[in-house]
Amino acid sequence: MRCFGVCIPRARLRIDSRCATTSHTTKCAIEMHKFRSHVLPHRKDRVQLARYGGRQRVTMLTGDGIGPEMLAHVKNIFSFANVPVDFEEIPLSSNLASDDAIMDTAIMAIKRNGVAIKGNIETRFDDPQFKLRNVELRKRLDLYANVLHCISIPTIPTRHKGIDIVIVRENTEGEYSGLEHEARKGVVESLKIVTRNNIERIARFAFEYALSHGRKKVTAVHKANIQKLADGLFLYVCREVAESEYPQIKFESMIVDNASMQMVSRPQQFDVMLMPNLYGNIISSVGCGIVGGAGLVSGVNIGDKYAVFETVRRNRATL
């Protein structure tokens, strides 16, 4: 099993799984690693992971709600499997939404170590002036790609079998730009910002991911029939990148409402799905549902230099 680029010997996991006190946890770890792995597309300018004395340092953002409990299990598994990883814990949570010092500490730690794992950080709805921690992390570290691997697990009963879908979601702009204001009482304007440069890089990321993982098809999900300029640009640039740079990968497009229906009726048709931020958030939830639930799926936020791993459902306070 590979976590943060460190190999966990499979043989050790098989032997230790006989231990009665940890057999269930270890069995789950063995099963999951057979189906899911996140391999970052190679980049020469990516920050080298921090290593000290042959051990790798990883930033751990404990979060709140179920976050600390989940990450405690992560530490137990890593310790049990003898993985050469040390965690640098930062108590970042939504309860400290006005404390920029702890956020700065977390950003500095991730930049130093190159990789992080994050527990649940709840989204606060009570005050629009609060900076959303999840969004701020992605923007300040330029983690422009969110990758989610939805895959069927044989021991989990679901309606659909043979699902193996990778969802690539643009992470830094679109409706999540956070630019909204109340023009006058009862009238709110919310801006959707998209740029050609950011569309190009997320499109290239999706196709590079497809190439490096032996994928055959990329489906761009959009609403260009209504948002003719914003989503029209997204679709145009994705098609341009596909035809000019990746002719060996099949490219198709699909309107988001049809894609939602197809996900619950015939999900096996999808391979890699590429989409803007808001649509990606919704389709990701559908993807989790058809393979058995959000608790079975993990995600990673990736930029050119850093990566932050997390549970797919970012805003769940309880199990």
C-alpha atoms as a PDB file:
ATOM      1  CA  MET A   1       0.000   0.000   0.000  1.00  0.00           C
ATOM      2  CA  ARG A   2       1.266   3.466  -0.830  1.00  0.00           C
ATOM      3  CA  CYS A   3       0.477   6.464   1.366  1.00  0.00           C
ATOM      4  CA  PHE A   4       2.102   9.889   0.764  1.00  0.00           C
ATOM      5  CA  GLY A   5       4.647   8.137  -1.481  1.00  0.00           C
ATOM      6  CA  VAL A   6       5.760   5.702   1.263  1.00  0.00           C
ATOM      7  CA  CYS A   7       5.392   1.992   0.634  1.00  0.00           C
ATOM      8  CA  ILE A   8       3.698  -0.137   3.299  1.00  0.00           C
ATOM      9  CA  PRO A   9       4.816  -3.761   2.839  1.00  0.00           C
ATOM     10  CA  ARG A  10       1.839  -5.919   1.876  1.00  0.00           C
ATOM     11  CA  ALA A  11       3.359  -8.977   3.494  1.00  0.00           C
ATOM     12  CA  ARG A  12       3.499  -7.230   6.852  1.00  0.00           C
ATOM     13  CA  LEU A  13      -0.148  -6.268   6.590  1.00  0.00           C
ATOM     14  CA  ARG A  14      -1.130  -9.859   5.831  1.00  0.00           C
ATOM     15  CA  ILE A  15       0.808 -11.254   8.776  1.00  0.00           C
ATOM     16  CA  ASP A  16      -0.338  -8.667  11.290  1.00  0.00           C
ATOM     17  CA  SER A  17      -3.969  -8.982  10.232  1.00  0.00           C
ATOM     18  CA  ARG A  18      -4.153 -12.157  12.325  1.00  0.00           C
ATOM     19  CA  CYS A  19      -4.003 -10.022  15.450  1.00  0.00           C
ATOM     20  CA  ALA A  20      -7.510 -10.073  16.948  1.00  0.00           C
ATOM     21  CA  THR A  21      -7.481  -6.504  18.235  1.00  0.00           C
ATOM     22  CA  THR A  22      -6.687  -4.922  14.888  1.00  0.00           C
ATOM     23  CA  SER A  23      -7.883  -7.496  12.364  1.00  0.00           C
ATOM     24  CA  HIS A  24     -10.897  -5.518  11.137  1.00  0.00           C
ATOM     25  CA  THR A  25      -8.976  -2.271  10.609  1.00  0.00           C
ATOM     26  CA  THR A  26      -6.108  -4.051   8.876  1.00  0.00           C
ATOM     27  CA  LYS A  27      -8.462  -6.067   6.676  1.00  0.00           C
ATOM     28  CA  CYS A  28     -10.079  -2.834   5.506  1.00  0.00           C
ATOM     29  CA  ALA A  29      -6.673  -1.317   4.778  1.00  0.00           C
ATOM     30  CA  ILE A  30      -5.607  -4.357   2.749  1.00  0.00           C
ATOM     31  CA  GLU A  31      -8.831  -4.367   0.759  1.00  0.00           C
ATOM     32  CA  MET A  32      -8.854  -0.658   0.030  1.00  0.00           C
ATOM     33  CA  HIS A  33      -5.274  -0.485  -1.245  1.00  0.00           C
ATOM     34  CA  LYS A  34      -6.077  -3.040  -3.919  1.00  0.00           C
ATOM     35  CA  PHE A  35      -8.535  -0.669  -5.535  1.00  0.00           C
ATOM     36  CA  ARG A  36      -7.520   2.916  -4.890  1.00  0.00           C
ATOM     37  CA  SER A  37      -4.324   4.927  -5.253  1.00  0.00           C
ATOM     38  CA  HIS A  38      -3.589   8.568  -5.944  1.00  0.00           C
ATOM     39  CA  VAL A  39      -0.398   9.019  -7.957  1.00  0.00           C
ATOM     40  CA  LEU A  40       0.568  12.608  -8.677  1.00  0.00           C
ATOM     41  CA  PRO A  41       1.404  13.333 -12.328  1.00  0.00           C
ATOM     42  CA  HIS A  42       5.142  13.940 -12.543  1.00  0.00           C
ATOM     43  CA  ARG A  43       6.345  17.537 -12.426  1.00  0.00           C
ATOM     44  CA  LYS A  44       9.955  18.653 -12.210  1.00  0.00           C
ATOM     45  CA  ASP A  45       9.071  21.731 -10.117  1.00  0.00           C
ATOM     46  CA  ARG A  46       7.113  19.871  -7.440  1.00  0.00           C
ATOM     47  CA  VAL A  47       8.461  20.397  -3.921  1.00  0.00           C
ATOM     48  CA  GLN A  48      10.454  17.441  -2.616  1.00  0.00           C
ATOM     49  CA  LEU A  49       8.791  15.791   0.370  1.00  0.00           C
ATOM     50  CA  ALA A  50      10.418  16.536   3.712  1.00  0.00           C
ATOM     51  CA  ARG A  51      12.499  13.640   5.057  1.00  0.00           C
ATOM     52  CA  TYR A  52      14.377  13.499   8.336  1.00  0.00           C
ATOM     53  CA  GLY A  53      16.579  10.532   9.181  1.00  0.00           C
ATOM     54  CA  GLY A  54      14.936   8.387   6.528  1.00  0.00           C
ATOM     55  CA  ARG A  55      11.451   9.238   7.785  1.00  0.00           C
ATOM     56  CA  GLN A  56       8.913  11.380   5.985  1.00  0.00           C
ATOM     57  CA  ARG A  57       7.232  14.349   7.667  1.00  0.00           C
ATOM     58  CA  VAL A  58       3.538  14.916   6.919  1.00  0.00           C
ATOM     59  CA  THR A  59       1.395  17.801   8.161  1.00  0.00           C
ATOM     60  CA  MET A  60      -1.763  16.631   9.946  1.00  0.00           C
ATOM     61  CA  LEU A  61      -4.628  19.120  10.262  1.00  0.00           C
ATOM     62  CA  THR A  62      -6.840  17.584  12.937  1.00  0.00           C
ATOM     63  CA  GLY A  63      -9.986  19.606  12.189  1.00  0.00           C
ATOM     64  CA  ASP A  64     -13.140  19.307  14.285  1.00  0.00           C
ATOM     65  CA  GLY A  65     -16.247  17.137  14.547  1.00  0.00           C
ATOM     66  CA  ILE A  66     -15.176  13.623  13.582  1.00  0.00           C
ATOM     67  CA  GLY A  67     -11.806  14.878  12.285  1.00  0.00           C
ATOM     68  CA  PRO A  68      -9.621  14.172  15.358  1.00  0.00           C
ATOM     69  CA  GLU A  69     -11.177  10.724  15.847  1.00  0.00           C
ATOM     70  CA  MET A  70     -10.622   9.724  12.216  1.00  0.00           C
ATOM     71  CA  LEU A  71      -7.026  10.909  12.180  1.00  0.00           C
ATOM     72  CA  ALA A  72      -6.342   9.053  15.427  1.00  0.00           C
ATOM     73  CA  HIS A  73      -7.249   5.855  13.542  1.00  0.00           C
ATOM     74  CA  VAL A  74      -4.926   6.912  10.709  1.00  0.00           C
ATOM     75  CA  LYS A  75      -2.043   7.268  13.166  1.00  0.00           C
ATOM     76  CA  ASN A  76      -2.806   3.856  14.682  1.00  0.00           C
ATOM     77  CA  ILE A  77      -2.757   2.164  11.269  1.00  0.00           C
ATOM     78  CA  PHE A  78       0.512   3.830  10.291  1.00  0.00           C
ATOM     79  CA  SER A  79       2.099   2.901  13.617  1.00  0.00           C
ATOM     80  CA  PHE A  80       0.846  -0.681  13.411  1.00  0.00           C
ATOM     81  CA  ALA A  81       2.192  -1.083   9.866  1.00  0.00           C
ATOM     82  CA  ASN A  82       5.555   0.484  10.798  1.00  0.00           C
ATOM     83  CA  VAL A  83       5.307   3.186   8.133  1.00  0.00           C
ATOM     84  CA  PRO A  84       8.276   5.619   8.248  1.00  0.00           C
ATOM     85  CA  VAL A  85       6.052   8.700   8.574  1.00  0.00           C
ATOM     86  CA  ASP A  86       5.994  11.302  11.344  1.00  0.00           C
ATOM     87  CA  PHE A  87       2.982  13.584  11.636  1.00  0.00           C
ATOM     88  CA  GLU A  88       3.306  17.273  12.465  1.00  0.00           C
ATOM     89  CA  GLU A  89      -0.070  18.045  14.035  1.00  0.00           C
ATOM     90  CA  ILE A  90      -1.713  21.457  13.636  1.00  0.00           C
ATOM     91  CA  PRO A  91      -5.040  22.001  15.507  1.00  0.00           C
ATOM     92  CA  LEU A  92      -6.771  23.829  12.653  1.00  0.00           C
ATOM     93  CA  SER A  93     -10.564  23.888  12.964  1.00  0.00           C
ATOM     94  CA  SER A  94     -13.608  25.963  12.070  1.00  0.00           C
ATOM     95  CA  ASN A  95     -13.873  27.093  15.706  1.00  0.00           C
ATOM     96  CA  LEU A  96     -10.796  29.220  15.111  1.00  0.00           C
ATOM     97  CA  ALA A  97     -12.195  30.885  12.005  1.00  0.00           C
ATOM     98  CA  SER A  98     -11.021  34.328  13.101  1.00  0.00           C
ATOM     99  CA  ASP A  99      -7.543  33.181  14.166  1.00  0.00           C
ATOM    100  CA  ASP A 100      -5.236  33.833  11.223  1.00  0.00           C
ATOM    101  CA  ALA A 101      -2.156  32.796  13.215  1.00  0.00           C
ATOM    102  CA  ILE A 102      -3.100  29.108  13.315  1.00  0.00           C
ATOM    103  CA  MET A 103      -3.982  29.220   9.613  1.00  0.00           C
ATOM    104  CA  ASP A 104      -0.610  30.761   8.797  1.00  0.00           C
ATOM    105  CA  THR A 105       1.079  28.038  10.853  1.00  0.00           C
ATOM    106  CA  ALA A 106      -0.783  25.350   8.920  1.00  0.00           C
ATOM    107  CA  ILE A 107       0.137  26.880   5.556  1.00  0.00           C
ATOM    108  CA  MET A 108       3.785  27.164   6.591  1.00  0.00           C
ATOM    109  CA  ALA A 109       3.867  23.529   7.739  1.00  0.00           C
ATOM    110  CA  ILE A 110       2.384  22.273   4.465  1.00  0.00           C
ATOM    111  CA  LYS A 111       4.856  24.330   2.441  1.00  0.00           C
ATOM    112  CA  ARG A 112       7.690  22.910   4.535  1.00  0.00           C
ATOM    113  CA  ASN A 113       6.599  19.270   4.308  1.00  0.00           C
ATOM    114  CA  GLY A 114       4.997  19.283   0.861  1.00  0.00           C
ATOM    115  CA  VAL A 115       2.083  17.029   1.805  1.00  0.00           C
ATOM    116  CA  ALA A 116      -0.715  17.009   4.383  1.00  0.00           C
ATOM    117  CA  ILE A 117      -3.672  14.989   5.582  1.00  0.00           C
ATOM    118  CA  LYS A 118      -6.734  16.855   6.793  1.00  0.00           C
ATOM    119  CA  GLY A 119      -9.572  15.886   9.088  1.00  0.00           C
ATOM    120  CA  ASN A 120     -13.063  17.288   8.827  1.00  0.00           C
ATOM    121  CA  ILE A 121     -13.228  21.087   8.991  1.00  0.00           C
ATOM    122  CA  GLU A 122     -16.843  22.188   9.141  1.00  0.00           C
ATOM    123  CA  THR A 123     -18.232  24.985   7.006  1.00  0.00           C
ATOM    124  CA  ARG A 124     -19.671  27.805   9.073  1.00  0.00           C
ATOM    125  CA  PHE A 125     -22.849  29.416   7.771  1.00  0.00           C
ATOM    126  CA  ASP A 126     -23.445  31.946  10.537  1.00  0.00           C
ATOM    127  CA  ASP A 127     -21.225  34.832   9.436  1.00  0.00           C
ATOM    128  CA  PRO A 128     -20.344  35.616   5.785  1.00  0.00           C
ATOM    129  CA  GLN A 129     -17.270  37.520   6.998  1.00  0.00           C
ATOM    130  CA  PHE A 130     -15.597  34.307   8.176  1.00  0.00           C
ATOM    131  CA  LYS A 131     -13.033  32.904   5.775  1.00  0.00           C
ATOM    132  CA  LEU A 132     -13.865  29.301   4.941  1.00  0.00           C
ATOM    133  CA  ARG A 133     -10.869  27.232   6.008  1.00  0.00           C
ATOM    134  CA  ASN A 134     -11.233  24.615   3.268  1.00  0.00           C
ATOM    135  CA  VAL A 135     -11.463  27.226   0.516  1.00  0.00           C
ATOM    136  CA  GLU A 136      -8.637  29.292   1.995  1.00  0.00           C
ATOM    137  CA  LEU A 137      -6.320  26.273   2.092  1.00  0.00           C
ATOM    138  CA  ARG A 138      -6.960  25.486  -1.549  1.00  0.00           C
ATOM    139  CA  LYS A 139      -6.498  29.072  -2.684  1.00  0.00           C
ATOM    140  CA  ARG A 140      -3.391  29.939  -0.667  1.00  0.00           C
ATOM    141  CA  LEU A 141      -1.623  26.727  -1.674  1.00  0.00           C
ATOM    142  CA  ASP A 142      -3.065  26.865  -5.215  1.00  0.00           C
ATOM    143  CA  LEU A 143      -4.457  23.337  -4.920  1.00  0.00           C
ATOM    144  CA  TYR A 144      -6.312  23.681  -8.186  1.00  0.00           C
ATOM    145  CA  ALA A 145      -7.291  20.034  -8.740  1.00  0.00           C
ATOM    146  CA  ASN A 146      -9.516  17.886  -6.552  1.00  0.00           C
ATOM    147  CA  VAL A 147      -9.301  14.200  -7.462  1.00  0.00           C
ATOM    148  CA  LEU A 148     -11.874  11.697  -6.267  1.00  0.00           C
ATOM    149  CA  HIS A 149     -11.745   7.987  -7.100  1.00  0.00           C
ATOM    150  CA  CYS A 150     -15.156   6.284  -6.915  1.00  0.00           C
ATOM    151  CA  ILE A 151     -14.718   2.538  -7.288  1.00  0.00           C
ATOM    152  CA  SER A 152     -16.823  -0.484  -6.445  1.00  0.00           C
ATOM    153  CA  ILE A 153     -15.622  -2.618  -3.536  1.00  0.00           C
ATOM    154  CA  PRO A 154     -16.729  -6.266  -3.834  1.00  0.00           C
ATOM    155  CA  THR A 155     -17.702  -6.633  -0.171  1.00  0.00           C
ATOM    156  CA  ILE A 156     -19.930  -3.524  -0.186  1.00  0.00           C
ATOM    157  CA  PRO A 157     -23.470  -4.221  -1.499  1.00  0.00           C
ATOM    158  CA  THR A 158     -24.585  -1.560  -3.989  1.00  0.00           C
ATOM    159  CA  ARG A 159     -27.051  -1.304  -6.855  1.00  0.00           C
ATOM    160  CA  HIS A 160     -24.346  -0.869  -9.500  1.00  0.00           C
ATOM    161  CA  LYS A 161     -21.263  -3.075  -9.927  1.00  0.00           C
ATOM    162  CA  GLY A 162     -18.010  -2.493 -11.775  1.00  0.00           C
ATOM    163  CA  ILE A 163     -17.820   1.249 -11.130  1.00  0.00           C
ATOM    164  CA  ASP A 164     -14.394   2.831 -11.597  1.00  0.00           C
ATOM    165  CA  ILE A 165     -14.726   6.599 -12.029  1.00  0.00           C
ATOM    166  CA  VAL A 166     -12.190   9.350 -11.385  1.00  0.00           C
ATOM    167  CA  ILE A 167     -13.718  12.800 -10.850  1.00  0.00           C
ATOM    168  CA  VAL A 168     -11.388  15.753 -11.496  1.00  0.00           C
ATOM    169  CA  ARG A 169     -12.783  19.023 -10.201  1.00  0.00           C
ATOM    170  CA  GLU A 170     -11.413  22.547 -10.656  1.00  0.00           C
ATOM    171  CA  ASN A 171     -10.775  23.771  -7.137  1.00  0.00           C
ATOM    172  CA  THR A 172     -10.036  27.500  -7.076  1.00  0.00           C
ATOM    173  CA  GLU A 173     -12.525  29.514  -9.126  1.00  0.00           C
ATOM    174  CA  GLY A 174     -16.031  29.416 -10.596  1.00  0.00           C
ATOM    175  CA  GLU A 175     -18.866  29.822  -8.087  1.00  0.00           C
ATOM    176  CA  TYR A 176     -16.351  29.194  -5.301  1.00  0.00           C
ATOM    177  CA  SER A 177     -14.520  32.446  -5.988  1.00  0.00           C
ATOM    178  CA  GLY A 178     -16.292  33.829  -2.922  1.00  0.00           C
ATOM    179  CA  LEU A 179     -17.191  37.107  -4.614  1.00  0.00           C
ATOM    180  CA  GLU A 180     -20.701  38.063  -3.575  1.00  0.00           C
ATOM    181  CA  HIS A 181     -22.360  41.073  -2.029  1.00  0.00           C
ATOM    182  CA  GLU A 182     -25.769  42.489  -1.209  1.00  0.00           C
ATOM    183  CA  ALA A 183     -26.333  45.284  -3.722  1.00  0.00           C
ATOM    184  CA  ARG A 184     -29.336  46.465  -1.730  1.00  0.00           C
ATOM    185  CA  LYS A 185     -31.658  44.917   0.813  1.00  0.00           C
ATOM    186  CA  GLY A 186     -32.953  41.638  -0.572  1.00  0.00           C
ATOM    187  CA  VAL A 187     -30.758  41.734  -3.713  1.00  0.00           C
ATOM    188  CA  VAL A 188     -27.575  39.631  -3.723  1.00  0.00           C
ATOM    189  CA  GLU A 189     -25.029  39.389  -6.528  1.00  0.00           C
ATOM    190  CA  SER A 190     -22.747  36.352  -6.669  1.00  0.00           C
ATOM    191  CA  LEU A 191     -19.974  36.318  -9.269  1.00  0.00           C
ATOM    192  CA  LYS A 192     -18.768  33.257 -11.135  1.00  0.00           C
ATOM    193  CA  ILE A 193     -15.191  33.850 -12.303  1.00  0.00           C
ATOM    194  CA  VAL A 194     -13.516  31.559 -14.840  1.00  0.00           C
ATOM    195  CA  THR A 195     -10.227  32.091 -16.658  1.00  0.00           C
ATOM    196  CA  ARG A 196      -8.727  30.436 -19.687  1.00  0.00           C
ATOM    197  CA  ASN A 197      -5.414  29.775 -17.916  1.00  0.00           C
ATOM    198  CA  ASN A 198      -7.043  27.902 -15.043  1.00  0.00           C
ATOM    199  CA  ILE A 199      -9.278  25.921 -17.380  1.00  0.00           C
ATOM    200  CA  GLU A 200      -6.255  24.907 -19.446  1.00  0.00           C
ATOM    201  CA  ARG A 201      -4.291  23.668 -16.460  1.00  0.00           C
ATOM    202  CA  ILE A 202      -7.167  21.625 -14.987  1.00  0.00           C
ATOM    203  CA  ALA A 203      -7.861  20.145 -18.425  1.00  0.00           C
ATOM    204  CA  ARG A 204      -4.202  19.194 -18.878  1.00  0.00           C
ATOM    205  CA  PHE A 205      -4.160  17.746 -15.377  1.00  0.00           C
ATOM    206  CA  ALA A 206      -7.149  15.529 -16.172  1.00  0.00           C
ATOM    207  CA  PHE A 207      -5.624  14.269 -19.412  1.00  0.00           C
ATOM    208  CA  GLU A 208      -2.214  13.717 -17.809  1.00  0.00           C
ATOM    209  CA  TYR A 209      -3.938  11.778 -15.042  1.00  0.00           C
ATOM    210  CA  ALA A 210      -5.739   9.690 -17.655  1.00  0.00           C
ATOM    211  CA  LEU A 211      -2.472   8.944 -19.462  1.00  0.00           C
ATOM    212  CA  SER A 212      -0.509   8.039 -16.336  1.00  0.00           C
ATOM    213  CA  HIS A 213      -3.270   5.737 -15.055  1.00  0.00           C
ATOM    214  CA  GLY A 214      -4.105   3.988 -18.321  1.00  0.00           C
ATOM    215  CA  ARG A 215      -7.492   5.658 -18.678  1.00  0.00           C
ATOM    216  CA  LYS A 216      -9.180   5.784 -22.079  1.00  0.00           C
ATOM    217  CA  LYS A 217     -11.769   8.570 -21.935  1.00  0.00           C
ATOM    218  CA  VAL A 218     -12.305  12.030 -20.424  1.00  0.00           C
ATOM    219  CA  THR A 219     -15.820  13.475 -20.126  1.00  0.00           C
ATOM    220  CA  ALA A 220     -16.166  17.247 -19.653  1.00  0.00           C
ATOM    221  CA  VAL A 221     -19.280  18.126 -17.631  1.00  0.00           C
ATOM    222  CA  HIS A 222     -20.741  21.595 -18.240  1.00  0.00           C
ATOM    223  CA  LYS A 223     -23.834  23.788 -18.603  1.00  0.00           C
ATOM    224  CA  ALA A 224     -22.767  25.621 -21.767  1.00  0.00           C
ATOM    225  CA  ASN A 225     -26.300  25.495 -23.152  1.00  0.00           C
ATOM    226  CA  ILE A 226     -27.317  28.071 -20.507  1.00  0.00           C
ATOM    227  CA  GLN A 227     -24.079  29.695 -19.329  1.00  0.00           C
ATOM    228  CA  LYS A 228     -22.859  30.255 -22.854  1.00  0.00           C
ATOM    229  CA  LEU A 229     -19.857  32.423 -21.980  1.00  0.00           C
ATOM    230  CA  ALA A 230     -18.521  30.909 -18.739  1.00  0.00           C
ATOM    231  CA  ASP A 231     -19.225  27.231 -19.341  1.00  0.00           C
ATOM    232  CA  GLY A 232     -18.887  27.830 -23.058  1.00  0.00           C
ATOM    233  CA  LEU A 233     -15.273  28.834 -22.453  1.00  0.00           C
ATOM    234  CA  PHE A 234     -14.742  25.787 -20.226  1.00  0.00           C
ATOM    235  CA  LEU A 235     -16.051  23.422 -22.900  1.00  0.00           C
ATOM    236  CA  TYR A 236     -14.158  25.147 -25.724  1.00  0.00           C
ATOM    237  CA  VAL A 237     -10.807  25.041 -23.904  1.00  0.00           C
ATOM    238  CA  CYS A 238     -11.260  21.424 -22.786  1.00  0.00           C
ATOM    239  CA  ARG A 239     -12.013  20.354 -26.351  1.00  0.00           C
ATOM    240  CA  GLU A 240      -9.075  22.389 -27.664  1.00  0.00           C
ATOM    241  CA  VAL A 241      -6.648  20.759 -25.206  1.00  0.00           C
ATOM    242  CA  ALA A 242      -8.042  17.309 -26.004  1.00  0.00           C
ATOM    243  CA  GLU A 243      -7.761  17.632 -29.775  1.00  0.00           C
ATOM    244  CA  SER A 244      -4.408  19.415 -29.926  1.00  0.00           C
ATOM    245  CA  GLU A 245      -2.458  17.670 -27.150  1.00  0.00           C
ATOM    246  CA  TYR A 246      -4.107  14.334 -26.305  1.00  0.00           C
ATOM    247  CA  PRO A 247      -5.560  12.766 -29.460  1.00  0.00           C
ATOM    248  CA  GLN A 248      -4.971   9.283 -28.011  1.00  0.00           C
ATOM    249  CA  ILE A 249      -7.535   9.926 -25.250  1.00  0.00           C
ATOM    250  CA  LYS A 250     -11.208   9.856 -26.240  1.00  0.00           C
ATOM    251  CA  PHE A 251     -12.986  13.106 -25.366  1.00  0.00           C
ATOM    252  CA  GLU A 252     -16.693  13.691 -24.911  1.00  0.00           C
ATOM    253  CA  SER A 253     -18.860  16.328 -23.257  1.00  0.00           C
ATOM    254  CA  MET A 254     -22.100  16.105 -21.302  1.00  0.00           C
ATOM    255  CA  ILE A 255     -24.486  18.665 -19.796  1.00  0.00           C
ATOM    256  CA  VAL A 256     -24.424  18.471 -16.002  1.00  0.00           C
ATOM    257  CA  ASP A 257     -28.090  17.588 -15.496  1.00  0.00           C
ATOM    258  CA  ASN A 258     -27.814  14.709 -17.970  1.00  0.00           C
ATOM    259  CA  ALA A 259     -24.531  13.656 -16.345  1.00  0.00           C
ATOM    260  CA  SER A 260     -26.289  13.482 -12.974  1.00  0.00           C
ATOM    261  CA  MET A 261     -28.960  11.189 -14.411  1.00  0.00           C
ATOM    262  CA  GLN A 262     -26.399   9.020 -16.200  1.00  0.00           C
ATOM    263  CA  MET A 263     -24.388   8.674 -12.975  1.00  0.00           C
ATOM    264  CA  VAL A 264     -27.290   6.983 -11.203  1.00  0.00           C
ATOM    265  CA  SER A 265     -28.554   4.983 -14.208  1.00  0.00           C
ATOM    266  CA  ARG A 266     -25.433   3.890 -16.153  1.00  0.00           C
ATOM    267  CA  PRO A 267     -22.309   4.959 -14.218  1.00  0.00           C
ATOM    268  CA  GLN A 268     -20.118   2.302 -15.873  1.00  0.00           C
ATOM    269  CA  GLN A 269     -19.944   4.457 -19.019  1.00  0.00           C
ATOM    270  CA  PHE A 270     -17.705   7.018 -17.281  1.00  0.00           C
ATOM    271  CA  ASP A 271     -13.937   6.860 -16.919  1.00  0.00           C
ATOM    272  CA  VAL A 272     -12.423  10.270 -16.046  1.00  0.00           C
ATOM    273  CA  MET A 273     -14.889  13.126 -15.482  1.00  0.00           C
ATOM    274  CA  LEU A 274     -13.670  16.736 -15.704  1.00  0.00           C
ATOM    275  CA  MET A 275     -15.775  19.622 -14.427  1.00  0.00           C
ATOM    276  CA  PRO A 276     -15.852  23.079 -12.822  1.00  0.00           C
ATOM    277  CA  ASN A 277     -16.005  23.582  -9.077  1.00  0.00           C
ATOM    278  CA  LEU A 278     -19.718  23.619  -8.238  1.00  0.00           C
ATOM    279  CA  TYR A 279     -20.698  20.771 -10.552  1.00  0.00           C
ATOM    280  CA  GLY A 280     -17.789  18.753  -9.199  1.00  0.00           C
ATOM    281  CA  ASN A 281     -19.038  19.151  -5.656  1.00  0.00           C
ATOM    282  CA  ILE A 282     -22.470  17.804  -6.588  1.00  0.00           C
ATOM    283  CA  ILE A 283     -21.306  14.985  -8.885  1.00  0.00           C
ATOM    284  CA  SER A 284     -18.767  13.904  -6.246  1.00  0.00           C
ATOM    285  CA  SER A 285     -21.594  13.333  -3.771  1.00  0.00           C
ATOM    286  CA  VAL A 286     -23.470  11.267  -6.354  1.00  0.00           C
ATOM    287  CA  GLY A 287     -20.307   9.257  -7.024  1.00  0.00           C
ATOM    288  CA  CYS A 288     -19.905   8.506  -3.332  1.00  0.00           C
ATOM    289  CA  GLY A 289     -23.508   7.389  -3.067  1.00  0.00           C
ATOM    290  CA  ILE A 290     -23.380   4.862  -5.893  1.00  0.00           C
ATOM    291  CA  VAL A 291     -20.328   3.056  -4.453  1.00  0.00           C
ATOM    292  CA  GLY A 292     -21.709   2.780  -0.931  1.00  0.00           C
ATOM    293  CA  GLY A 293     -21.291   6.119   0.807  1.00  0.00           C
ATOM    294  CA  ALA A 294     -18.938   8.992   1.472  1.00  0.00           C
ATOM    295  CA  GLY A 295     -17.099   7.090   4.199  1.00  0.00           C
ATOM    296  CA  LEU A 296     -15.640   4.730   1.591  1.00  0.00           C
ATOM    297  CA  VAL A 297     -14.124   7.412  -0.633  1.00  0.00           C
ATOM    298  CA  SER A 298     -11.104   9.626  -0.115  1.00  0.00           C
ATOM    299  CA  GLY A 299      -9.976  12.659  -2.068  1.00  0.00           C
ATOM    300  CA  VAL A 300      -6.845  14.656  -2.669  1.00  0.00           C
ATOM    301  CA  ASN A 301      -6.354  18.345  -3.442  1.00  0.00           C
ATOM    302  CA  ILE A 302      -3.352  18.764  -5.711  1.00  0.00           C
ATOM    303  CA  GLY A 303      -1.371  21.744  -6.930  1.00  0.00           C
ATOM    304  CA  ASP A 304       1.899  22.062  -8.768  1.00  0.00           C
ATOM    305  CA  LYS A 305       3.831  21.976  -5.482  1.00  0.00           C
ATOM    306  CA  TYR A 306       1.677  20.571  -2.679  1.00  0.00           C
ATOM    307  CA  ALA A 307      -0.963  17.926  -1.984  1.00  0.00           C
ATOM    308  CA  VAL A 308      -3.566  17.716   0.801  1.00  0.00           C
ATOM    309  CA  PHE A 309      -5.386  14.410   1.351  1.00  0.00           C
ATOM    310  CA  GLU A 310      -8.783  14.322   3.026  1.00  0.00           C
ATOM    311  CA  THR A 311     -12.064  12.520   3.452  1.00  0.00           C
ATOM    312  CA  VAL A 312     -14.397  13.282   0.589  1.00  0.00           C
ATOM    313  CA  ARG A 313     -17.186  14.746   2.741  1.00  0.00           C
ATOM    314  CA  ARG A 314     -15.545  17.857   4.127  1.00  0.00           C
ATOM    315  CA  ASN A 315     -18.448  19.202   6.147  1.00  0.00           C
ATOM    316  CA  ARG A 316     -19.724  16.268   8.152  1.00  0.00           C
ATOM    317  CA  ALA A 317     -19.653  16.855  11.899  1.00  0.00           C
ATOM    318  CA  THR A 318     -20.679  13.374  13.090  1.00  0.00           C
ATOM    319  CA  LEU A 319     -20.415   9.802  11.943  1.00  0.00           C
END
